């Protein structure tokens, strides 16, 4: 009964996902944490947050890109 009961119960409960973690660039303690966690400087984190927003997953993905891809491409020139 245990497994069937658990499956039935799990289906009745609403599914939830862990809330996205955000990076607060104004919080020095948080910036030190994320700097150590991601292995980059606080300045790199702040720039990534300005580019992709404060979602920690998006920032990590941005920072794992090769150095050339971390820099925003130049704006298109008007014709």
Protein backbone atom coordinates (compact mmCIF):
# COMPACT_ATOMS: atom_id res chain seq x y z
CA UNK A 1 0.00 0.00 0.00
CA UNK A 2 2.86 2.38 0.75
CA UNK A 3 4.03 3.08 -2.80
CA UNK A 4 0.56 3.27 -4.31
CA UNK A 5 -0.58 5.51 -1.48
CA UNK A 6 2.42 7.79 -1.97
CA UNK A 7 1.84 8.05 -5.70
CA UNK A 8 -1.79 8.85 -5.19
CA UNK A 9 -0.97 11.44 -2.52
CA UNK A 10 1.77 13.05 -4.60
CA UNK A 11 -0.68 13.51 -7.47
CA UNK A 12 -3.09 15.35 -5.20
CA UNK A 13 -0.53 17.87 -3.96
CA UNK A 14 0.22 20.93 -6.05
CA UNK A 15 3.62 20.80 -7.67
CA UNK A 16 6.05 23.47 -6.73
CA UNK A 17 9.49 24.42 -7.86
CA UNK A 18 12.22 26.09 -5.87
CA UNK A 19 11.95 29.83 -6.23
CA UNK A 20 14.59 31.30 -8.46
CA UNK A 21 17.46 32.69 -6.44
CA UNK A 22 18.25 36.29 -7.13
CA UNK A 23 21.48 38.20 -6.77
CA UNK A 24 21.22 41.53 -4.97
CA UNK A 25 24.17 43.57 -6.22
CA UNK A 26 23.56 46.10 -3.43
CA UNK A 27 24.21 43.49 -0.72
CA UNK A 28 27.97 43.17 -0.12
CA UNK A 29 27.63 39.88 1.79
CA UNK A 30 25.60 38.40 -1.07
CA UNK A 31 28.12 39.67 -3.61
CA UNK A 32 31.00 38.02 -1.71
CA UNK A 33 29.00 34.77 -1.59
CA UNK A 34 28.21 34.79 -5.31
CA UNK A 35 31.76 35.83 -6.20
CA UNK A 36 33.14 32.79 -4.38
CA UNK A 37 30.38 30.51 -5.62
CA UNK A 38 30.81 31.45 -9.29
CA UNK A 39 34.56 32.01 -9.17
CA UNK A 40 34.45 35.48 -10.70
CA UNK A 41 34.87 39.04 -9.45
CA UNK A 42 32.05 41.06 -7.97
CA UNK A 43 32.37 43.47 -10.88
CA UNK A 44 31.76 40.63 -13.35
CA UNK A 45 28.68 39.58 -11.41
CA UNK A 46 27.32 43.13 -11.33
CA UNK A 47 27.80 43.50 -15.08
CA UNK A 48 26.13 40.15 -15.75
CA UNK A 49 23.17 41.16 -13.55
CA UNK A 50 22.81 44.39 -15.51
CA UNK A 51 22.81 42.40 -18.77
CA UNK A 52 20.60 39.40 -17.93
CA UNK A 53 18.84 40.36 -14.70
CA UNK A 54 19.28 39.11 -11.12
CA UNK A 55 18.29 35.45 -11.64
CA UNK A 56 21.27 33.46 -10.35
CA UNK A 57 20.91 30.76 -13.01
CA UNK A 58 20.91 33.30 -15.84
CA UNK A 59 23.94 35.04 -14.33
CA UNK A 60 25.83 31.76 -13.95
CA UNK A 61 25.07 30.82 -17.56
CA UNK A 62 26.20 34.24 -18.74
CA UNK A 63 29.45 34.01 -16.77
CA UNK A 64 30.23 30.52 -18.04
CA UNK A 65 30.26 31.84 -21.59
CA UNK A 66 33.71 32.43 -23.08
CA UNK A 67 35.16 35.85 -22.24
CA UNK A 68 34.47 37.16 -25.78
CA UNK A 69 30.78 36.31 -25.43
CA UNK A 70 30.46 38.08 -22.06
CA UNK A 71 30.88 41.44 -23.73
CA UNK A 72 27.74 42.81 -25.31
CA UNK A 73 28.02 43.04 -29.09
CA UNK A 74 28.24 46.53 -30.55
CA UNK A 75 24.98 48.25 -31.39
CA UNK A 76 24.02 48.02 -35.06
CA UNK A 77 24.94 51.10 -37.02
CA UNK A 78 22.01 53.04 -38.50
CA UNK A 79 21.82 52.86 -42.29
